[in-house]
């Protein structure tokens, strides 16, 4: 069983192929969520590297139970630009509000970022009460020219 296969490079796929004694693998992944430059470009590219001994069975999952419709709609332009051949999943639930992007100054960004791993893993009291979460990603935190962006 190989999960998150979209992030495997051709070299990593070859390593797995060499260790496959039975010729049977279950490979799971979402090409729309590839996170590295060396990620496989498509399932066809994965199969070219693995050279399966028998015809593979492909099952595309088309329903999103986790991500609400508003988030999928917000991400749709990025998915179309990054992977135009992929069909977005169909959501089964709504969140009731759309995501937003706000520009913040570097000072506000740094002041609201949790300092310890424990702080980063716990929701803030404001988030639990339904207010905006003022925490942001770590990217650019120590860069004096960075203007932080936060997403809700």
C-alpha atoms as a PDB file:
ATOM      1  CA  UNK A   1       0.000   0.000   0.000  1.00  0.00           C
ATOM      2  CA  UNK A   2       1.478   3.316  -1.093  1.00  0.00           C
ATOM      3  CA  UNK A   3      -0.284   6.487   0.052  1.00  0.00           C
ATOM      4  CA  UNK A   4       0.402  10.048  -1.138  1.00  0.00           C
ATOM      5  CA  UNK A   5       1.925   8.596  -4.309  1.00  0.00           C
ATOM      6  CA  UNK A   6       1.529  11.924  -6.107  1.00  0.00           C
ATOM      7  CA  UNK A   7       4.596  13.165  -4.219  1.00  0.00           C
ATOM      8  CA  UNK A   8       6.914  10.343  -5.280  1.00  0.00           C
ATOM      9  CA  UNK A   9       9.647  11.105  -7.774  1.00  0.00           C
ATOM     10  CA  UNK A  10      10.488   8.675 -10.584  1.00  0.00           C
ATOM     11  CA  UNK A  11      13.534   7.571  -8.552  1.00  0.00           C
ATOM     12  CA  UNK A  12      11.392   6.816  -5.491  1.00  0.00           C
ATOM     13  CA  UNK A  13       8.953   4.879  -7.673  1.00  0.00           C
ATOM     14  CA  UNK A  14      11.837   2.804  -9.052  1.00  0.00           C
ATOM     15  CA  UNK A  15      12.928   1.978  -5.484  1.00  0.00           C
ATOM     16  CA  UNK A  16       9.418   0.727  -4.715  1.00  0.00           C
ATOM     17  CA  UNK A  17       9.318  -1.265  -7.952  1.00  0.00           C
ATOM     18  CA  UNK A  18      12.536  -3.069  -7.033  1.00  0.00           C
ATOM     19  CA  UNK A  19      11.068  -4.122  -3.694  1.00  0.00           C
ATOM     20  CA  UNK A  20       7.781  -5.369  -5.155  1.00  0.00           C
ATOM     21  CA  UNK A  21       8.084  -9.152  -5.161  1.00  0.00           C
ATOM     22  CA  UNK A  22       4.478 -10.012  -6.057  1.00  0.00           C
ATOM     23  CA  UNK A  23       3.699  -7.500  -8.801  1.00  0.00           C
ATOM     24  CA  UNK A  24       0.713  -6.249  -6.835  1.00  0.00           C
ATOM     25  CA  UNK A  25       0.496  -2.769  -5.319  1.00  0.00           C
ATOM     26  CA  UNK A  26      -2.272  -0.499  -4.126  1.00  0.00           C
ATOM     27  CA  UNK A  27      -1.291   3.067  -4.946  1.00  0.00           C
ATOM     28  CA  UNK A  28      -3.293   6.011  -3.653  1.00  0.00           C
ATOM     29  CA  UNK A  29      -2.824   9.691  -4.296  1.00  0.00           C
ATOM     30  CA  UNK A  30      -4.246  12.919  -5.677  1.00  0.00           C
ATOM     31  CA  UNK A  31      -2.282  14.457  -8.547  1.00  0.00           C
ATOM     32  CA  UNK A  32      -3.987  17.760  -7.744  1.00  0.00           C
ATOM     33  CA  UNK A  33      -2.194  17.808  -4.388  1.00  0.00           C
ATOM     34  CA  UNK A  34       1.376  17.147  -5.540  1.00  0.00           C
ATOM     35  CA  UNK A  35       3.729  19.154  -3.342  1.00  0.00           C
ATOM     36  CA  UNK A  36       7.200  18.816  -4.877  1.00  0.00           C
ATOM     37  CA  UNK A  37       8.810  19.750  -8.172  1.00  0.00           C
ATOM     38  CA  UNK A  38       9.882  16.136  -8.650  1.00  0.00           C
ATOM     39  CA  UNK A  39       6.343  14.798  -8.164  1.00  0.00           C
ATOM     40  CA  UNK A  40       4.903  12.555 -10.841  1.00  0.00           C
ATOM     41  CA  UNK A  41       3.043  14.508 -13.515  1.00  0.00           C
ATOM     42  CA  UNK A  42       0.246  11.973 -14.014  1.00  0.00           C
ATOM     43  CA  UNK A  43      -0.861   8.430 -13.246  1.00  0.00           C
ATOM     44  CA  UNK A  44       0.361   7.450 -16.719  1.00  0.00           C
ATOM     45  CA  UNK A  45       3.829   8.729 -15.769  1.00  0.00           C
ATOM     46  CA  UNK A  46       3.702   6.645 -12.567  1.00  0.00           C
ATOM     47  CA  UNK A  47       2.775   3.527 -14.543  1.00  0.00           C
ATOM     48  CA  UNK A  48       5.569   4.144 -17.072  1.00  0.00           C
ATOM     49  CA  UNK A  49       8.091   3.976 -14.245  1.00  0.00           C
ATOM     50  CA  UNK A  50       6.501   1.029 -12.432  1.00  0.00           C
ATOM     51  CA  UNK A  51       6.014  -1.032 -15.608  1.00  0.00           C
ATOM     52  CA  UNK A  52       3.198  -3.188 -14.180  1.00  0.00           C
ATOM     53  CA  UNK A  53       3.247  -6.895 -15.031  1.00  0.00           C
ATOM     54  CA  UNK A  54      -0.509  -6.952 -15.570  1.00  0.00           C
ATOM     55  CA  UNK A  55      -3.112  -4.356 -16.571  1.00  0.00           C
ATOM     56  CA  UNK A  56      -3.705  -1.992 -13.614  1.00  0.00           C
ATOM     57  CA  UNK A  57      -7.164  -1.116 -12.374  1.00  0.00           C
ATOM     58  CA  UNK A  58      -7.703   2.599 -11.888  1.00  0.00           C
ATOM     59  CA  UNK A  59     -10.491   3.993  -9.750  1.00  0.00           C
ATOM     60  CA  UNK A  60     -10.964   7.752  -9.703  1.00  0.00           C
ATOM     61  CA  UNK A  61     -12.643   9.131  -6.605  1.00  0.00           C
ATOM     62  CA  UNK A  62     -14.995  11.954  -7.512  1.00  0.00           C
ATOM     63  CA  UNK A  63     -16.655  12.907  -4.222  1.00  0.00           C
ATOM     64  CA  UNK A  64     -15.134  15.048  -1.479  1.00  0.00           C
ATOM     65  CA  UNK A  65     -16.478  14.287   1.963  1.00  0.00           C
ATOM     66  CA  UNK A  66     -13.880  16.379   3.783  1.00  0.00           C
ATOM     67  CA  UNK A  67     -13.604  19.681   1.903  1.00  0.00           C
ATOM     68  CA  UNK A  68     -16.656  21.963   1.784  1.00  0.00           C
ATOM     69  CA  UNK A  69     -17.985  23.393  -1.470  1.00  0.00           C
ATOM     70  CA  UNK A  70     -16.829  26.944  -0.676  1.00  0.00           C
ATOM     71  CA  UNK A  71     -13.200  25.836  -0.274  1.00  0.00           C
ATOM     72  CA  UNK A  72     -13.268  23.758  -3.467  1.00  0.00           C
ATOM     73  CA  UNK A  73     -14.738  26.735  -5.348  1.00  0.00           C
ATOM     74  CA  UNK A  74     -12.036  29.000  -3.910  1.00  0.00           C
ATOM     75  CA  UNK A  75      -9.291  26.553  -4.983  1.00  0.00           C
ATOM     76  CA  UNK A  76     -10.782  25.761  -8.428  1.00  0.00           C
ATOM     77  CA  UNK A  77      -8.815  28.404 -10.406  1.00  0.00           C
ATOM     78  CA  UNK A  78      -5.549  27.146  -8.906  1.00  0.00           C
ATOM     79  CA  UNK A  79      -6.409  23.532  -9.740  1.00  0.00           C
ATOM     80  CA  UNK A  80      -7.334  24.482 -13.331  1.00  0.00           C
ATOM     81  CA  UNK A  81      -4.017  26.314 -13.756  1.00  0.00           C
ATOM     82  CA  UNK A  82      -1.874  23.644 -12.101  1.00  0.00           C
ATOM     83  CA  UNK A  83      -3.590  20.529 -13.438  1.00  0.00           C
ATOM     84  CA  UNK A  84      -6.012  21.324 -16.266  1.00  0.00           C
ATOM     85  CA  UNK A  85      -6.637  17.624 -16.987  1.00  0.00           C
ATOM     86  CA  UNK A  86      -7.948  16.892 -13.486  1.00  0.00           C
ATOM     87  CA  UNK A  87     -11.641  17.021 -12.697  1.00  0.00           C
ATOM     88  CA  UNK A  88     -12.374  18.657  -9.345  1.00  0.00           C
ATOM     89  CA  UNK A  89     -14.218  16.495  -6.815  1.00  0.00           C
ATOM     90  CA  UNK A  90     -17.895  17.048  -6.103  1.00  0.00           C
ATOM     91  CA  UNK A  91     -18.431  18.232  -2.513  1.00  0.00           C
ATOM     92  CA  UNK A  92     -21.184  16.789  -0.342  1.00  0.00           C
ATOM     93  CA  UNK A  93     -21.273  19.544   2.261  1.00  0.00           C
ATOM     94  CA  UNK A  94     -21.180  23.320   2.628  1.00  0.00           C
ATOM     95  CA  UNK A  95     -19.413  25.377   5.297  1.00  0.00           C
ATOM     96  CA  UNK A  96     -21.821  28.303   5.157  1.00  0.00           C
ATOM     97  CA  UNK A  97     -19.149  30.907   4.396  1.00  0.00           C
ATOM     98  CA  UNK A  98     -16.466  31.453   1.781  1.00  0.00           C
ATOM     99  CA  UNK A  99     -12.725  31.653   2.456  1.00  0.00           C
ATOM    100  CA  UNK A 100     -11.110  35.066   2.290  1.00  0.00           C
ATOM    101  CA  UNK A 101      -7.560  36.350   1.896  1.00  0.00           C
ATOM    102  CA  UNK A 102      -6.422  39.408   3.856  1.00  0.00           C
ATOM    103  CA  UNK A 103      -3.151  41.302   3.534  1.00  0.00           C
ATOM    104  CA  UNK A 104      -1.483  42.072   6.852  1.00  0.00           C
ATOM    105  CA  UNK A 105       1.649  43.968   7.746  1.00  0.00           C
ATOM    106  CA  UNK A 106       4.796  42.079   8.695  1.00  0.00           C
ATOM    107  CA  UNK A 107       4.426  43.303  12.263  1.00  0.00           C
ATOM    108  CA  UNK A 108       0.875  41.979  12.609  1.00  0.00           C
ATOM    109  CA  UNK A 109       1.877  38.722  10.956  1.00  0.00           C
ATOM    110  CA  UNK A 110       4.776  38.158  13.380  1.00  0.00           C
ATOM    111  CA  UNK A 111       2.788  39.300  16.427  1.00  0.00           C
ATOM    112  CA  UNK A 112      -0.019  36.816  15.827  1.00  0.00           C
ATOM    113  CA  UNK A 113       2.096  33.764  14.912  1.00  0.00           C
ATOM    114  CA  UNK A 114       2.303  31.147  17.700  1.00  0.00           C
ATOM    115  CA  UNK A 115       5.873  30.736  18.908  1.00  0.00           C
ATOM    116  CA  UNK A 116       5.976  27.092  20.051  1.00  0.00           C
ATOM    117  CA  UNK A 117       4.883  23.871  18.335  1.00  0.00           C
ATOM    118  CA  UNK A 118       2.308  23.384  21.106  1.00  0.00           C
ATOM    119  CA  UNK A 119       0.786  26.799  20.391  1.00  0.00           C
ATOM    120  CA  UNK A 120       0.673  26.051  16.645  1.00  0.00           C
ATOM    121  CA  UNK A 121      -1.258  22.805  17.177  1.00  0.00           C
ATOM    122  CA  UNK A 122      -3.938  24.295  19.441  1.00  0.00           C
ATOM    123  CA  UNK A 123      -6.814  26.415  18.152  1.00  0.00           C
ATOM    124  CA  UNK A 124      -6.773  29.917  19.518  1.00  0.00           C
ATOM    125  CA  UNK A 125      -9.593  31.006  21.846  1.00  0.00           C
ATOM    126  CA  UNK A 126     -10.781  33.400  19.119  1.00  0.00           C
ATOM    127  CA  UNK A 127     -11.047  30.531  16.617  1.00  0.00           C
ATOM    128  CA  UNK A 128     -13.059  28.388  19.028  1.00  0.00           C
ATOM    129  CA  UNK A 129     -15.543  31.231  19.504  1.00  0.00           C
ATOM    130  CA  UNK A 130     -15.990  31.460  15.731  1.00  0.00           C
ATOM    131  CA  UNK A 131     -13.928  34.614  15.195  1.00  0.00           C
ATOM    132  CA  UNK A 132     -11.232  34.911  12.588  1.00  0.00           C
ATOM    133  CA  UNK A 133      -8.063  32.966  13.247  1.00  0.00           C
ATOM    134  CA  UNK A 134      -5.209  35.492  13.146  1.00  0.00           C
ATOM    135  CA  UNK A 135      -2.464  32.893  12.895  1.00  0.00           C
ATOM    136  CA  UNK A 136      -0.674  32.615   9.546  1.00  0.00           C
ATOM    137  CA  UNK A 137       1.807  30.309   7.853  1.00  0.00           C
ATOM    138  CA  UNK A 138       5.482  30.339   8.762  1.00  0.00           C
ATOM    139  CA  UNK A 139       6.728  31.437   5.314  1.00  0.00           C
ATOM    140  CA  UNK A 140       8.555  34.742   5.420  1.00  0.00           C
ATOM    141  CA  UNK A 141       8.336  35.226   9.166  1.00  0.00           C
ATOM    142  CA  UNK A 142      11.915  36.471   9.518  1.00  0.00           C
ATOM    143  CA  UNK A 143      12.032  38.301   6.171  1.00  0.00           C
ATOM    144  CA  UNK A 144      11.798  42.073   6.838  1.00  0.00           C
ATOM    145  CA  UNK A 145      10.315  42.699   3.375  1.00  0.00           C
ATOM    146  CA  UNK A 146       7.558  40.110   3.781  1.00  0.00           C
ATOM    147  CA  UNK A 147       3.944  41.257   3.840  1.00  0.00           C
ATOM    148  CA  UNK A 148       2.095  38.290   5.353  1.00  0.00           C
ATOM    149  CA  UNK A 149      -1.106  36.829   3.995  1.00  0.00           C
ATOM    150  CA  UNK A 150      -3.609  35.004   6.093  1.00  0.00           C
ATOM    151  CA  UNK A 151      -6.389  32.736   4.946  1.00  0.00           C
ATOM    152  CA  UNK A 152      -9.562  31.891   6.829  1.00  0.00           C
END
